[in-house]
C-alpha cells in the first residue's frame, strides 16, 4: 500500500493513495492552518471506523438482517502532551432496521474485532478499545431503541 501527501500552502495538503481518491488535510488556524481539511489524527480515527463498519455491515447483510441505517462512531481520547497519541477509544455501532437480531450484530462485531479489521487489530496492541452497540427498530417513520450494551466483554471473552 502506498500513500502520499502533497503540500499546497501553509499547513494545507492533499492526501492520495493507490485507489486514486483524494482527501484534504489541514489544521486549525491557531497553529498556522486554514481550517480546510481533515486533521491527520481525524483520518486515523475515520479509518478505524470505516474498517470495522465495512466488516460489520457486510456480515449483517450476509446474515440477511434488515438494516435500514448503520453508523459507526469512534470516540478517541488523546494524551494531553505531545505527541498526543490516542490513549483509548470507544467504537460505537448504531444499527437501525426491522427485527435486527442482537446475536447477529454481536457476531459481526466479534468477527470484525478478532479476524477482519486490521486497523482495530493494530490499535488494540497500543491502547484499549471498548465496543458498544445500539439496535433501533424502525417503526411509524421513527426509531425506537430496543437494545444497547457493551460488546467488548462478549467479543474479548
Protein backbone atom coordinates (compact mmCIF):
# COMPACT_ATOMS: atom_id res chain seq x y z
CA UNK A 1 0.00 0.00 0.00
CA UNK A 2 1.25 3.42 -0.89
CA UNK A 3 0.06 6.80 0.36
CA UNK A 4 1.33 10.34 -0.05
CA UNK A 5 0.55 13.90 0.83
CA UNK A 6 1.27 16.87 -1.40
CA UNK A 7 1.82 20.26 0.15
CA UNK A 8 -0.42 23.04 -1.20
CA UNK A 9 0.25 26.04 1.08
CA UNK A 10 0.84 26.86 4.75
CA UNK A 11 -0.38 23.68 6.52
CA UNK A 12 -2.66 22.51 3.70
CA UNK A 13 -2.04 19.19 1.96
CA UNK A 14 -3.87 16.79 -0.32
CA UNK A 15 -3.58 13.13 0.59
CA UNK A 16 -3.81 10.40 -2.03
CA UNK A 17 -3.40 6.65 -2.05
CA UNK A 18 -3.24 3.83 -4.56
CA UNK A 19 -7.02 3.98 -5.07
CA UNK A 20 -6.63 7.42 -6.62
CA UNK A 21 -9.01 9.19 -4.26
CA UNK A 22 -8.03 12.41 -2.54
CA UNK A 23 -8.62 13.78 0.95
CA UNK A 24 -7.89 17.35 2.03
CA UNK A 25 -5.67 17.66 5.10
CA UNK A 26 -5.36 20.80 7.17
CA UNK A 27 -5.36 22.08 10.71
CA UNK A 28 -6.75 24.83 12.89
CA UNK A 29 -5.81 28.47 12.49
CA UNK A 30 -4.29 28.62 15.98
CA UNK A 31 -1.33 26.53 14.83
CA UNK A 32 -0.95 28.09 11.38
CA UNK A 33 -3.61 26.24 9.41
CA UNK A 34 -6.51 27.41 7.29
CA UNK A 35 -9.28 25.16 8.69
CA UNK A 36 -9.50 23.50 5.28
CA UNK A 37 -9.26 19.75 5.72
CA UNK A 38 -9.18 16.67 7.90
CA UNK A 39 -6.67 16.69 10.72
CA UNK A 40 -4.36 13.68 10.26
CA UNK A 41 -5.49 12.09 13.55
CA UNK A 42 -9.11 12.50 12.43
CA UNK A 43 -8.28 10.47 9.35
CA UNK A 44 -6.78 7.74 11.52
CA UNK A 45 -9.95 7.57 13.63
CA UNK A 46 -12.10 7.68 10.49
CA UNK A 47 -10.04 4.85 9.01
CA UNK A 48 -10.67 2.74 12.12
CA UNK A 49 -14.41 3.46 11.94
CA UNK A 50 -14.53 2.69 8.22
CA UNK A 51 -12.55 -0.53 8.56
CA UNK A 52 -14.83 -2.08 11.15
CA UNK A 53 -18.01 -0.60 9.59
CA UNK A 54 -17.35 -2.32 6.27
CA UNK A 55 -16.84 -5.64 8.03
CA UNK A 56 -19.92 -5.39 10.23
CA UNK A 57 -22.37 -4.26 7.54
CA UNK A 58 -21.08 -6.91 5.15
CA UNK A 59 -21.59 -9.64 7.76
CA UNK A 60 -25.05 -8.33 8.68
CA UNK A 61 -26.03 -8.38 5.00
CA UNK A 62 -24.77 -11.97 4.66
CA UNK A 63 -26.85 -12.86 7.73
CA UNK A 64 -29.86 -11.32 5.94
CA UNK A 65 -30.50 -8.72 8.62
CA UNK A 66 -32.94 -5.99 7.53
CA UNK A 67 -30.71 -2.97 8.23
CA UNK A 68 -32.06 0.40 7.11
CA UNK A 69 -29.39 2.65 8.66
CA UNK A 70 -25.94 2.00 10.08
CA UNK A 71 -23.35 4.24 11.68
CA UNK A 72 -20.05 3.63 13.43
CA UNK A 73 -18.65 6.29 15.73
CA UNK A 74 -15.14 6.34 17.15
CA UNK A 75 -14.57 8.37 20.29
CA UNK A 76 -10.79 8.52 20.77
CA UNK A 77 -9.05 10.01 23.80
CA UNK A 78 -5.65 11.61 23.28
CA UNK A 79 -2.73 12.25 25.58
CA UNK A 80 -2.58 15.89 26.77
CA UNK A 81 1.12 16.26 25.90
CA UNK A 82 2.87 15.93 22.55
CA UNK A 83 2.86 13.72 20.57
CA UNK A 84 -0.79 13.49 21.75
CA UNK A 85 -1.23 9.85 20.82
CA UNK A 86 -4.53 8.03 21.20
CA UNK A 87 -4.73 6.56 24.71
CA UNK A 88 -8.10 4.79 24.43
CA UNK A 89 -11.09 4.55 22.15
CA UNK A 90 -14.74 3.59 22.16
CA UNK A 91 -16.22 2.19 18.96
CA UNK A 92 -19.99 2.58 18.91
CA UNK A 93 -22.09 0.62 16.40
CA UNK A 94 -25.56 2.11 15.81
CA UNK A 95 -27.90 -0.07 13.77
CA UNK A 96 -31.49 0.60 12.74
CA UNK A 97 -33.79 -1.73 10.91
CA UNK A 98 -36.58 -4.25 11.18
CA UNK A 99 -36.02 -7.11 13.61
CA UNK A 100 -32.22 -6.84 13.65
CA UNK A 101 -31.00 -9.70 15.83
CA UNK A 102 -28.68 -8.83 18.69
CA UNK A 103 -26.81 -12.13 18.29
CA UNK A 104 -26.14 -11.36 14.61
CA UNK A 105 -24.80 -7.91 15.43
CA UNK A 106 -22.60 -9.20 18.25
CA UNK A 107 -21.18 -11.91 16.00
CA UNK A 108 -20.46 -9.34 13.27
CA UNK A 109 -18.70 -7.07 15.78
CA UNK A 110 -16.73 -10.04 17.12
CA UNK A 111 -15.58 -11.15 13.65
CA UNK A 112 -14.52 -7.62 12.78
CA UNK A 113 -12.60 -7.22 16.06
CA UNK A 114 -10.90 -10.60 16.08
CA UNK A 115 -10.49 -11.56 12.44
CA UNK A 116 -11.11 -8.99 9.73
CA UNK A 117 -10.32 -5.37 10.67
CA UNK A 118 -6.55 -4.77 10.51
CA UNK A 119 -6.89 -1.23 11.90
CA UNK A 120 -8.63 -2.47 15.04
CA UNK A 121 -6.17 -5.35 15.47
CA UNK A 122 -3.23 -2.96 15.16
CA UNK A 123 -4.59 -0.30 17.51
CA UNK A 124 -5.63 -2.83 20.17
CA UNK A 125 -1.93 -3.60 20.60
CA UNK A 126 -1.35 0.04 21.57
CA UNK A 127 -4.41 1.24 23.53
CA UNK A 128 -7.64 -0.20 24.95
CA UNK A 129 -10.71 -0.20 22.72
CA UNK A 130 -14.22 -0.53 24.12
CA UNK A 131 -17.01 -1.79 21.84
CA UNK A 132 -20.59 -0.60 22.34
CA UNK A 133 -23.76 -1.07 20.33
CA UNK A 134 -27.31 0.15 19.90
CA UNK A 135 -30.12 -1.51 17.96
CA UNK A 136 -33.07 0.66 16.92
CA UNK A 137 -36.33 -0.65 15.49
CA UNK A 138 -37.78 1.32 12.56
CA UNK A 139 -41.47 1.95 13.14
CA UNK A 140 -44.08 4.51 12.06
CA UNK A 141 -41.48 6.74 10.40
CA UNK A 142 -39.29 6.85 13.52
CA UNK A 143 -36.91 4.73 15.52
CA UNK A 144 -37.15 3.12 18.93
CA UNK A 145 -34.11 1.91 20.86
CA UNK A 146 -34.65 -1.79 21.58
CA UNK A 147 -31.22 -2.93 22.74
CA UNK A 148 -27.88 -1.43 23.72
CA UNK A 149 -24.87 -2.71 25.50
CA UNK A 150 -21.18 -3.33 25.81
CA UNK A 151 -19.86 -5.78 23.24
CA UNK A 152 -16.25 -5.73 24.46
CA UNK A 153 -16.67 -8.39 27.15
CA UNK A 154 -18.64 -10.64 24.82
CA UNK A 155 -16.11 -10.27 22.00
CA UNK A 156 -12.91 -10.49 24.04
CA UNK A 157 -14.12 -13.18 26.41
